[in-house]
Protein backbone atom coordinates (compact mmCIF):
# COMPACT_ATOMS: atom_id res chain seq x y z
CA MET A 1 60.58 86.40 99.37
CA PRO A 2 62.59 89.33 100.93
CA THR A 3 61.91 90.26 104.26
CA LYS A 4 62.38 94.04 105.74
CA LEU A 5 65.14 95.28 108.06
CA PRO A 6 64.75 98.22 110.29
CA ASN A 7 68.35 99.83 108.93
CA PRO A 8 70.66 98.94 106.50
CA ALA A 9 72.50 95.80 108.17
CA ARG A 10 75.97 97.43 106.79
CA THR A 11 77.40 100.17 104.68
CA SER A 12 80.89 100.90 103.35
CA GLY A 13 81.18 103.73 105.55
CA ALA A 14 80.55 104.57 109.34
CA THR A 15 78.63 107.94 108.21
CA ALA A 16 74.78 108.02 107.56
CA THR A 17 73.88 109.73 104.21
CA SER A 18 70.64 111.12 103.74
CA TRP A 19 69.10 108.69 101.82
CA PHE A 20 69.10 105.84 104.17
CA GLY A 21 67.46 108.69 106.64
CA THR A 22 64.72 109.63 104.28
CA ALA A 23 63.33 106.38 102.70
CA PRO A 24 62.19 102.62 104.23
CA ALA A 25 64.44 99.74 104.22
CA LEU A 26 65.88 97.81 100.97
CA PRO A 27 64.67 94.62 101.13
CA THR A 28 67.03 92.13 102.09
CA PHE A 29 67.25 88.26 100.65
CA ALA A 30 68.19 84.80 101.97
CA PRO A 31 71.98 84.14 101.74
CA LEU A 32 72.83 81.41 99.18
CA ALA A 33 73.01 78.36 100.43
CA ASP A 34 73.15 75.66 97.67
CA ASN A 35 74.82 75.50 94.52
CA ALA A 36 73.04 76.92 91.83
CA GLU A 37 72.58 77.21 87.92
CA THR A 38 71.45 80.43 85.51
CA ASP A 39 71.97 82.03 82.77
CA VAL A 40 73.74 85.09 84.02
CA VAL A 41 75.54 85.90 87.24
CA VAL A 42 75.56 89.10 88.43
CA VAL A 43 78.07 90.14 91.69
CA GLY A 44 76.94 93.60 93.12
CA GLY A 45 73.80 94.92 94.43
CA GLY A 46 74.38 98.33 93.64
CA ILE A 47 73.01 100.73 90.63
CA ALA A 48 74.66 98.60 87.94
CA GLY A 49 74.14 95.09 89.16
CA LEU A 50 70.58 95.48 89.92
CA THR A 51 70.15 97.30 86.47
CA THR A 52 71.64 94.66 84.54
CA ALA A 53 69.66 92.06 86.57
CA TYR A 54 66.36 94.28 85.64
CA LEU A 55 67.18 94.09 82.14
CA LEU A 56 68.22 91.00 81.29
CA SER A 57 64.94 89.85 83.60
CA GLN A 58 62.67 91.91 81.27
CA GLU A 59 63.96 89.88 78.21
CA GLY A 60 63.96 86.51 79.86
CA VAL A 61 66.88 85.80 80.70
CA PRO A 62 67.21 83.77 83.97
CA VAL A 63 69.59 85.76 86.17
CA LEU A 64 70.65 85.38 89.79
CA LEU A 65 71.98 88.19 91.58
CA LEU A 66 74.94 88.13 94.44
CA GLU A 67 75.58 91.26 96.92
CA ASP A 68 78.10 90.51 99.79
CA GLY A 69 76.09 93.11 102.23
CA GLU A 70 72.90 94.48 101.88
CA LEU A 71 71.58 95.96 98.67
CA ALA A 72 73.11 99.58 98.35
CA SER A 73 75.52 99.08 100.97
CA GLY A 74 78.35 99.83 98.83
CA GLU A 75 79.11 103.13 97.10
CA THR A 76 75.52 103.69 95.32
CA GLY A 77 74.07 104.14 98.97
CA ARG A 78 76.54 107.22 99.24
CA THR A 79 75.47 109.12 96.09
CA THR A 80 74.34 112.06 95.57
CA ALA A 81 72.34 110.87 92.70
CA HIS A 82 72.60 113.62 89.96
CA LEU A 83 71.85 112.32 86.84
CA SER A 84 73.37 114.33 83.63
CA ASN A 85 75.04 114.71 80.72
CA ALA A 86 77.24 117.43 81.58
CA LEU A 87 80.52 115.04 82.06
CA ASP A 88 82.91 116.12 84.62
CA ASP A 89 85.76 115.92 82.32
CA ARG A 90 84.11 118.38 80.01
CA TYR A 91 83.56 117.54 76.28
CA THR A 92 86.43 120.03 75.44
CA THR A 93 88.77 117.21 76.66
CA LEU A 94 86.78 113.90 75.66
CA GLU A 95 86.81 115.73 72.31
CA ASN A 96 90.60 115.47 72.14
CA LEU A 97 90.81 112.24 73.92
CA PHE A 98 88.23 110.21 71.56
CA GLY A 99 87.51 112.85 68.80
CA PRO A 100 84.13 114.33 67.65
CA GLU A 101 82.26 111.09 67.26
CA GLY A 102 83.82 109.82 70.65
CA ALA A 103 82.35 112.63 72.37
CA ARG A 104 78.99 112.49 70.63
CA LEU A 105 78.52 108.79 71.83
CA ALA A 106 79.24 109.92 75.01
CA ALA A 107 76.74 112.67 75.38
CA GLU A 108 74.14 110.46 73.63
CA SER A 109 75.06 107.59 76.12
CA HIS A 110 74.52 109.40 78.85
CA THR A 111 71.37 111.51 77.49
CA THR A 112 70.09 108.05 76.66
CA ALA A 113 70.73 106.47 80.27
CA ILE A 114 68.45 109.41 81.90
CA ALA A 115 65.63 108.97 79.69
CA ALA A 116 65.85 104.61 80.12
CA ILE A 117 65.78 105.86 84.01
CA GLU A 118 62.76 108.06 83.69
CA GLY A 119 61.57 104.84 81.44
CA ILE A 120 61.91 102.64 84.21
CA VAL A 121 60.45 104.72 86.56
CA GLN A 122 56.93 104.85 84.35
CA LYS A 123 56.86 101.53 83.63
CA GLU A 124 57.68 100.00 86.90
CA LYS A 125 55.49 102.91 88.82
CA ILE A 126 58.20 103.72 90.93
CA ASP A 127 57.66 106.35 93.50
CA CYS A 128 61.96 107.82 93.87
CA ASP A 129 61.15 111.71 93.16
CA PHE A 130 62.54 111.40 89.53
CA THR A 131 62.32 115.02 88.24
CA ARG A 132 63.61 116.65 84.90
CA LEU A 133 65.20 119.77 85.80
CA ASP A 134 67.78 122.12 84.64
CA GLY A 135 71.70 122.00 85.31
CA PHE A 136 73.99 124.95 85.61
CA LEU A 137 77.46 125.07 84.61
CA PHE A 138 79.25 128.23 86.39
CA LEU A 139 82.57 129.68 87.02
CA PRO A 140 84.52 130.04 90.27
CA ALA A 141 85.62 133.51 91.42
CA GLY A 142 88.16 134.76 89.04
CA GLY A 143 87.08 131.86 86.53
CA LYS A 144 87.79 132.86 82.60
CA SER A 145 84.17 133.49 80.20
CA GLN A 146 86.72 131.18 77.64
CA GLU A 147 86.15 128.20 79.91
CA LEU A 148 82.53 128.56 79.15
CA ALA A 149 82.86 129.41 75.50
CA ASP A 150 84.99 126.24 74.81
CA GLU A 151 82.65 124.16 76.40
CA LEU A 152 79.76 125.41 74.65
CA ALA A 153 80.99 125.00 71.04
CA ALA A 154 82.47 121.47 72.23
CA ALA A 155 79.03 120.59 73.62
CA HIS A 156 77.15 121.85 70.65
CA ARG A 157 79.34 119.49 68.37
CA ALA A 158 78.77 116.59 70.68
CA GLY A 159 74.81 117.13 69.89
CA LEU A 160 73.71 119.21 72.97
CA THR A 161 72.85 121.75 70.53
CA GLN A 162 70.35 122.59 73.50
CA VAL A 163 72.79 124.38 76.10
CA GLU A 164 73.13 127.77 76.03
CA HIS A 165 75.51 130.46 77.76
CA LEU A 166 73.55 132.94 80.35
CA GLN A 167 74.81 135.58 81.97
CA ARG A 168 72.91 135.23 84.49
CA ALA A 169 70.80 131.88 85.55
CA GLY A 170 68.03 133.46 86.84
CA THR A 171 67.90 131.26 89.72
CA THR A 172 66.23 131.75 93.35
CA GLY A 173 68.81 131.90 96.52
CA PHE A 174 71.40 130.86 94.42
CA GLU A 175 72.62 132.93 91.49
CA PRO A 176 75.64 131.60 89.84
CA GLY A 177 76.09 134.53 87.50
CA GLU A 178 78.05 133.45 84.03
CA CYS A 179 76.92 130.15 83.12
CA LEU A 180 76.33 127.32 80.88
CA ARG A 181 72.54 125.94 81.34
CA PHE A 182 72.07 121.95 80.07
CA PRO A 183 68.35 121.57 80.15
CA ASN A 184 66.51 118.09 80.68
CA GLN A 185 68.94 116.98 83.80
CA GLY A 186 67.60 114.61 86.44
CA GLN A 187 67.50 113.63 89.88
CA PHE A 188 65.65 111.03 92.09
CA HIS A 189 65.77 109.14 95.51
CA ILE A 190 68.44 106.45 94.44
CA LEU A 191 67.14 103.45 98.00
CA LYS A 192 63.79 104.62 96.36
CA TYR A 193 64.24 103.77 93.05
CA LEU A 194 66.40 100.56 93.78
CA ASN A 195 63.65 99.20 96.01
CA GLY A 196 61.62 99.36 92.99
CA LEU A 197 64.23 97.35 90.48
CA ALA A 198 64.86 94.91 93.18
CA GLN A 199 60.82 94.39 92.96
CA ALA A 200 60.65 94.08 89.60
CA ILE A 201 63.35 91.52 89.26
CA THR A 202 61.72 88.90 91.24
CA GLN A 203 58.60 89.53 90.00
CA LYS A 204 59.78 88.52 86.55
CA GLY A 205 61.52 85.55 88.26
CA GLY A 206 64.77 86.81 88.77
CA ARG A 207 66.98 85.62 92.12
CA ILE A 208 68.58 88.24 94.55
CA HIS A 209 70.84 86.90 97.64
CA THR A 210 72.42 89.05 99.57
CA ASN A 211 74.92 88.70 102.56
CA THR A 212 76.78 86.36 99.82
CA ARG A 213 80.38 87.49 99.08
CA VAL A 214 81.77 85.99 95.86
CA SER A 215 85.56 85.38 96.64
CA GLU A 216 86.20 83.99 93.00
CA VAL A 217 85.43 84.38 89.48
CA HIS A 218 85.78 81.81 86.57
CA GLY A 219 85.15 82.17 83.01
CA GLY A 220 85.16 80.51 80.02
CA ALA A 221 83.20 77.13 78.64
CA ASN A 222 82.75 76.23 82.73
CA ALA A 223 82.21 79.84 83.84
CA ARG A 224 80.99 80.03 87.51
CA VAL A 225 81.34 82.06 90.26
CA VAL A 226 82.56 80.62 93.83
CA THR A 227 81.64 82.30 97.12
CA ALA A 228 83.43 83.00 100.67
CA ASP A 229 81.74 79.78 101.91
CA GLY A 230 82.33 77.55 99.12
CA VAL A 231 78.93 77.65 97.24
CA GLU A 232 78.90 77.33 93.63
CA VAL A 233 76.71 79.20 90.68
CA THR A 234 77.51 77.95 86.82
CA ALA A 235 76.79 80.53 84.67
CA ARG A 236 75.67 79.19 80.95
CA LYS A 237 75.78 82.73 79.64
CA GLY A 238 78.43 85.01 81.51
CA ILE A 239 79.15 86.70 84.57
CA VAL A 240 79.04 90.28 85.46
CA VAL A 241 81.22 91.53 88.10
CA ALA A 242 79.70 95.09 88.87
CA THR A 243 81.39 96.07 92.06
CA ASN A 244 82.71 99.76 91.66
CA SER A 245 86.03 98.31 91.63
CA PRO A 246 86.64 95.09 89.97
CA PHE A 247 88.29 92.50 92.28
CA ASN A 248 88.25 89.54 89.78
CA ASP A 249 90.75 91.66 88.04
CA ARG A 250 94.11 91.68 89.95
CA VAL A 251 96.05 94.13 87.75
CA VAL A 252 95.35 95.57 84.65
CA MET A 253 92.24 97.58 85.32
CA HIS A 254 93.93 99.04 88.53
CA THR A 255 96.29 100.37 86.44
CA LYS A 256 93.91 102.57 84.01
CA GLN A 257 91.96 104.02 86.98
CA ALA A 258 92.34 105.07 90.63
CA ALA A 259 89.92 105.76 93.85
CA TYR A 260 88.79 109.08 95.10
CA ARG A 261 87.35 109.53 97.95
CA THR A 262 84.77 112.40 97.57
CA TYR A 263 82.62 114.65 100.89
CA VAL A 264 79.20 115.41 101.11
CA VAL A 265 77.25 117.62 103.28
CA ALA A 266 73.15 118.02 103.65
CA ALA A 267 71.67 120.98 105.20
CA ARG A 268 68.46 122.11 105.62
CA VAL A 269 67.26 124.97 103.82
CA PRO A 270 63.68 126.51 104.02
CA LYS A 271 61.45 124.57 101.43
CA GLY A 272 61.45 126.86 98.36
CA SER A 273 64.13 128.97 99.04
CA ILE A 274 66.62 127.85 96.58
CA SER A 275 65.45 127.06 92.90
CA LYS A 276 65.55 123.17 92.23
CA ALA A 277 68.40 122.68 89.59
CA LEU A 278 71.72 121.25 89.76
CA TYR A 279 74.71 122.82 90.07
CA TRP A 280 78.22 122.65 89.06
CA ASP A 281 81.54 124.65 89.41
CA THR A 282 84.56 124.00 87.55
CA PRO A 283 87.67 124.11 89.74
CA ASP A 284 89.68 120.92 90.59
CA PRO A 285 88.45 119.51 92.63
CA TYR A 286 84.69 121.02 91.57
CA HIS A 287 81.55 121.23 93.67
CA TYR A 288 78.26 119.83 93.19
CA VAL A 289 75.18 120.82 94.48
CA ARG A 290 71.28 119.78 94.43
CA LEU A 291 68.38 119.93 96.70
CA GLN A 292 66.68 116.43 97.93
CA ASP A 293 62.92 116.61 98.68
CA VAL A 294 62.26 115.51 102.40
CA PRO A 295 59.15 113.37 103.05
CA ALA A 296 56.14 114.28 105.43
CA GLY A 297 56.90 113.15 109.11
CA PRO A 298 55.23 109.86 110.59
CA ARG A 299 52.02 112.30 111.93
CA GLY A 300 51.64 113.50 108.13
CA GLY A 301 51.88 116.80 106.87
CA GLN A 302 54.53 118.63 105.01
CA THR A 303 57.57 119.70 106.08
CA ASP A 304 59.11 123.22 106.17
CA TYR A 305 62.51 122.57 104.72
CA ASP A 306 64.72 120.95 101.55
CA LEU A 307 68.21 119.18 102.43
CA LEU A 308 70.50 120.90 100.64
CA ILE A 309 73.38 118.31 99.16
CA VAL A 310 76.84 120.03 98.53
CA GLY A 311 79.80 117.37 97.20
CA GLY A 312 83.39 117.89 96.64
CA GLU A 313 86.78 118.08 98.25
CA ASP A 314 88.21 114.86 96.24
CA HIS A 315 91.29 113.17 96.98
CA LYS A 316 92.83 110.08 96.61
CA THR A 317 91.79 106.94 98.72
CA GLY A 318 94.04 106.77 101.32
CA GLN A 319 96.14 109.99 101.32
CA ASP A 320 94.89 112.72 103.42
CA GLU A 321 94.96 112.21 107.30
CA HIS A 322 92.26 114.72 107.83
CA PRO A 323 88.99 113.66 106.09
CA GLU A 324 86.97 115.67 108.86
CA ALA A 325 88.57 118.81 107.40
CA ARG A 326 87.60 118.46 104.07
CA LEU A 327 83.77 118.40 105.73
CA ARG A 328 84.56 121.55 107.38
CA CYS A 329 85.75 122.93 103.76
CA LEU A 330 82.24 121.92 102.21
CA GLU A 331 80.22 123.52 105.31
CA GLU A 332 82.04 126.65 104.94
CA TRP A 333 81.84 126.81 100.69
CA THR A 334 78.06 125.95 101.39
CA ARG A 335 77.50 128.70 104.57
CA ASP A 336 79.25 131.49 102.14
CA ARG A 337 76.84 130.93 98.89
CA PHE A 338 73.91 129.71 100.83
CA PRO A 339 72.77 131.98 103.67
CA MET A 340 69.72 130.69 104.25
CA VAL A 341 71.27 127.47 105.25
CA ARG A 342 70.14 126.08 109.05
CA ASP A 343 71.87 122.88 110.37
CA PHE A 344 73.98 120.35 108.67
CA GLU A 345 72.03 117.22 109.24
CA TYR A 346 74.03 114.89 107.48
CA ARG A 347 77.88 114.45 106.23
CA TRP A 348 79.25 111.43 104.46
CA SER A 349 81.80 110.24 102.28
CA GLY A 350 82.02 108.12 98.92
CA GLN A 351 84.66 106.55 96.83
CA VAL A 352 84.41 107.25 92.94
CA MET A 353 86.74 105.26 90.27
CA GLU A 354 89.03 107.82 88.10
CA PRO A 355 89.55 106.14 84.51
CA GLN A 356 93.14 107.58 83.14
CA ASP A 357 90.96 109.13 79.98
CA GLY A 358 87.86 110.20 81.38
CA LEU A 359 85.43 107.78 80.77
CA ALA A 360 84.27 104.79 82.19
CA TYR A 361 84.56 100.43 81.54
CA ALA A 362 82.07 98.60 80.65
CA GLY A 363 82.11 95.51 78.73
CA ARG A 364 84.42 91.94 78.51
CA ASN A 365 87.09 92.20 80.95
CA PRO A 366 90.84 92.36 79.28
CA LEU A 367 92.61 89.27 79.43
CA ASP A 368 89.71 87.33 80.31
CA ALA A 369 86.94 84.79 79.17
CA ASP A 370 84.85 86.44 76.82
CA ASN A 371 81.78 85.44 79.13
CA VAL A 372 83.27 87.85 81.98
CA PHE A 373 81.94 91.59 82.07
CA ILE A 374 82.84 94.12 84.23
CA ILE A 375 81.14 97.74 84.52
CA THR A 376 83.63 100.22 86.71
CA GLY A 377 85.31 103.56 86.24
CA ASP A 378 82.26 105.58 86.75
CA SER A 379 84.29 109.11 86.89
CA GLY A 380 81.78 110.90 89.18
CA HIS A 381 78.84 109.70 87.32
CA GLY A 382 77.63 106.39 88.83
CA MET A 383 73.66 106.60 88.02
CA THR A 384 74.30 107.16 84.62
CA HIS A 385 77.14 105.22 83.84
CA GLY A 386 75.37 102.59 86.37
CA THR A 387 72.27 102.70 83.64
CA LEU A 388 74.44 102.69 80.29
CA GLY A 389 76.75 100.44 81.37
CA PRO A 390 74.46 97.31 82.34
CA MET A 391 72.52 98.56 78.39
CA ILE A 392 75.77 97.67 77.11
CA VAL A 393 76.82 94.87 79.05
CA THR A 394 73.23 93.05 78.23
CA ASP A 395 73.37 93.73 74.39
CA LEU A 396 76.59 91.81 73.97
CA LEU A 397 75.21 89.22 76.33
CA GLN A 398 72.26 88.87 73.98
CA GLY A 399 74.83 88.72 70.96
CA ARG A 400 73.56 92.46 69.80
CA PRO A 401 75.43 95.35 68.56
CA ASN A 402 76.06 98.29 70.90
CA PRO A 403 76.48 102.05 69.37
CA TRP A 404 78.99 102.77 72.64
CA ALA A 405 80.28 99.33 72.95
CA GLY A 406 83.53 100.58 71.47
CA LEU A 407 83.80 103.90 73.38
CA TYR A 408 83.59 101.93 77.11
CA ASP A 409 85.34 99.01 75.94
CA PRO A 410 87.51 97.90 78.96
CA GLY A 411 90.29 96.91 76.74
CA ARG A 412 90.89 100.25 74.92
CA ILE A 413 93.89 101.64 75.02
CA THR A 414 93.71 105.80 74.55
CA VAL A 415 97.19 107.02 72.82
CA LYS A 416 96.92 110.88 73.11
CA PRO A 417 99.56 112.50 75.64
CA GLU A 418 97.13 113.41 78.20
CA SER A 419 96.09 110.03 78.51
CA ALA A 420 99.44 108.58 78.84
CA LEU A 421 100.06 111.35 81.21
CA GLU A 422 97.60 110.52 83.60
CA PHE A 423 98.39 106.76 83.67
CA VAL A 424 101.99 107.53 84.38
CA LYS A 425 100.95 109.99 87.09
CA GLU A 426 98.37 107.58 88.68
CA ASN A 427 101.02 104.76 88.65
CA VAL A 428 103.92 106.50 90.05
CA ASN A 429 101.97 107.83 93.16
CA VAL A 430 101.21 104.22 93.50
CA ALA A 431 104.61 103.55 93.26
CA PHE A 432 105.55 106.03 95.91
CA GLU A 433 103.31 104.45 98.43
CA TYR A 434 104.98 101.24 98.49
CA THR A 435 107.88 103.02 100.34
CA ASP A 436 105.58 102.91 103.67
CA LEU A 437 106.99 98.94 103.88
CA LEU A 438 110.22 100.81 104.74
CA THR A 439 109.13 103.54 107.53
CA GLY A 440 108.48 103.26 111.02
CA GLY A 441 104.72 103.28 112.24
CA ASP A 442 102.30 106.11 112.55
CA VAL A 443 102.62 105.25 116.53
CA LYS A 444 105.37 102.84 118.72
CA THR A 445 102.75 101.73 120.64
CA PRO A 446 99.11 100.65 120.83
CA GLU A 447 98.95 102.88 124.12
CA GLU A 448 99.06 105.70 121.81
CA ILE A 449 96.23 105.21 120.21
CA GLY A 450 92.76 106.79 121.67
CA VAL A 451 89.50 105.61 121.98
CA GLY A 452 87.41 104.49 118.57
CA GLU A 453 90.79 105.32 116.54
CA GLY A 454 93.37 102.98 114.86
CA ALA A 455 96.93 103.36 113.58
CA VAL A 456 99.77 101.52 111.93
CA LEU A 457 102.71 100.32 113.79
CA ARG A 458 106.07 98.65 113.24
CA ARG A 459 106.08 95.20 114.73
CA GLY A 460 110.15 93.78 113.87
CA LEU A 461 109.56 93.14 110.10
CA SER A 462 105.54 93.53 109.94
CA LYS A 463 103.17 96.53 110.01
CA VAL A 464 100.19 96.10 111.90
CA ALA A 465 97.22 98.07 111.83
CA VAL A 466 95.73 98.53 115.20
CA TYR A 467 92.33 99.98 116.31
CA LYS A 468 90.96 100.78 119.78
CA ASP A 469 87.58 100.00 120.43
CA GLU A 470 85.28 102.53 122.57
CA GLN A 471 85.96 100.13 125.56
CA GLY A 472 89.33 100.70 125.24
CA VAL A 473 90.31 97.33 123.87
CA ALA A 474 93.15 96.88 120.92
CA HIS A 475 92.19 94.87 118.06
CA GLU A 476 95.17 93.80 115.55
CA CYS A 477 95.56 92.98 111.94
CA SER A 478 98.23 92.45 109.56
CA ALA A 479 98.18 96.42 107.79
CA ILE A 480 99.24 94.72 104.60
CA CYS A 481 96.41 94.98 101.80
CA PRO A 482 96.03 91.59 100.68
CA HIS A 483 95.68 93.03 97.15
CA LEU A 484 98.94 93.99 96.28
CA GLY A 485 100.83 94.25 99.07
CA CYS A 486 100.78 97.91 99.62
CA VAL A 487 100.48 99.37 103.26
CA VAL A 488 96.55 100.68 104.67
CA HIS A 489 96.05 103.90 105.95
CA TRP A 490 93.36 104.91 108.82
CA ASN A 491 90.09 106.70 107.67
CA SER A 492 89.14 108.68 110.95
CA LEU A 493 85.61 109.73 109.41
CA GLU A 494 84.71 106.49 108.24
CA LYS A 495 86.50 104.29 110.91
CA SER A 496 87.87 102.13 107.95
CA TRP A 497 91.42 101.16 106.91
CA ASP A 498 91.92 102.28 103.22
CA CYS A 499 94.59 101.22 100.86
CA PRO A 500 96.32 104.67 99.07
CA CYS A 501 97.47 102.28 96.23
CA HIS A 502 94.18 100.79 94.62
CA GLY A 503 91.59 101.63 96.93
CA SER A 504 90.70 98.91 99.04
CA ARG A 505 88.70 99.37 101.56
CA PHE A 506 88.04 97.30 105.27
CA THR A 507 86.67 98.17 108.67
CA ALA A 508 88.12 98.38 111.47
CA LEU A 509 88.50 95.09 112.24
CA GLY A 510 89.79 94.29 108.80
CA GLU A 511 86.70 92.69 107.57
CA LEU A 512 86.50 93.57 103.39
CA LEU A 513 84.63 96.82 102.41
CA ASN A 514 85.38 97.48 99.33
CA GLY A 515 87.54 95.54 96.32
CA PRO A 516 89.82 95.18 94.32
CA ALA A 517 91.11 93.03 97.40
CA ALA A 518 89.01 89.63 97.20
CA SER A 519 89.36 89.36 101.21
CA GLY A 520 89.84 90.81 104.12
CA LEU A 521 93.13 92.08 106.29
CA ALA A 522 94.90 88.86 107.60
CA PRO A 523 95.48 88.66 110.97
CA ALA A 524 98.51 90.34 112.96
CA GLN A 525 101.68 88.13 112.97
């Protein structure tokens, strides 16, 4: 049986999100101690992993879920929890890359995912602030109306015929001006939702083990996973890797997608001062906005404020030396448009995987056995993709056809020039990062590093990652990412070492936070 923690034991960043600050702690479970056997092993305790385990358990399939930290301690707990079919890469782009039928299937799948979440909330009676609401796509200053006109036509061809063009949204507190209105979008409190999923899984006989790191994945006739402690779990039907970035695939998938950091601020605003809706603008990088209900305090009574959540300012992971400046830009953007903003209460960052052709991946892992599946490449729509991906994988595991499986196939090759150029651009960027192996370090000696900060220095032929803790003690580890050998960079906001090539991340002391690396940074030589 699960026990309660007063706070999340570990997350993938040092900053606190509004979700952990406004919800009871998620349940924690005992680590896996003994060898086991099941039908399906799910690796990852975020929305994709828990939804997969939930769907399988509802069909009576024995399932065992393994999470290396606590539930939602990865990127799911750092979301803004938009539920939307207004896709970031726009239907004009998707139609060009995948044709009219591909764009229609993309719209259908995300629309169905919102409905599936709503259905689970109702069936399991999950109190998670789920709400249906409008979404508004609007232009920045100087934006061109033709952009909205083209997107409206493409959205209608994709089957979203209720999307409409407005000269004014008619909203309170923030008027985006000329925009497209996407009806029947959604939002919820992600941690409250995952708590309900975890309870439903265990009630159906599913097993969950937290603080259990999987280090090996083996498909085929003897499909199994092996934990870092040497414990094995045999999977009779298959293995699902739902870890944001698939650590079981060393190269192929990581040439097809790139890791980006995205930033979020949450500010108090008077309750009722802004129309509850989703808002997105069209620049690159774009901004995304929503409201979060704030529950009553410990003495009861209604709070007089909501949280306005604003995200954006994306950049490639490990390739920005001043993440705090990104947060300041978001705060300025917010104050310029929402004058009722009071104090900024939360500031955080998260990581999204951007596929080369705009659509995520869910299905059989390329170049692997038929019974190893991955869910990755959320492209900023982690909540809906973390639902539709498990729907695809569940059908594949159960031997059923799925109408979206071909569209999201991890092995697909998109031959359009735009996709090819994106593939080349991202992989040239990765190749350039290897030149760090030849350069000097950020500093020459540990004495130059401030307290609570980190830097890379060269020691002979080696690069060393040095972190100086709050007591002034220097801690050293190798600066070489164990995935494919890039030099990690210090993230001063999240107090982590981030790989600029494929997005692996490590704590200040070198412990693994995010794949595709499967182990932490090695001791310094």
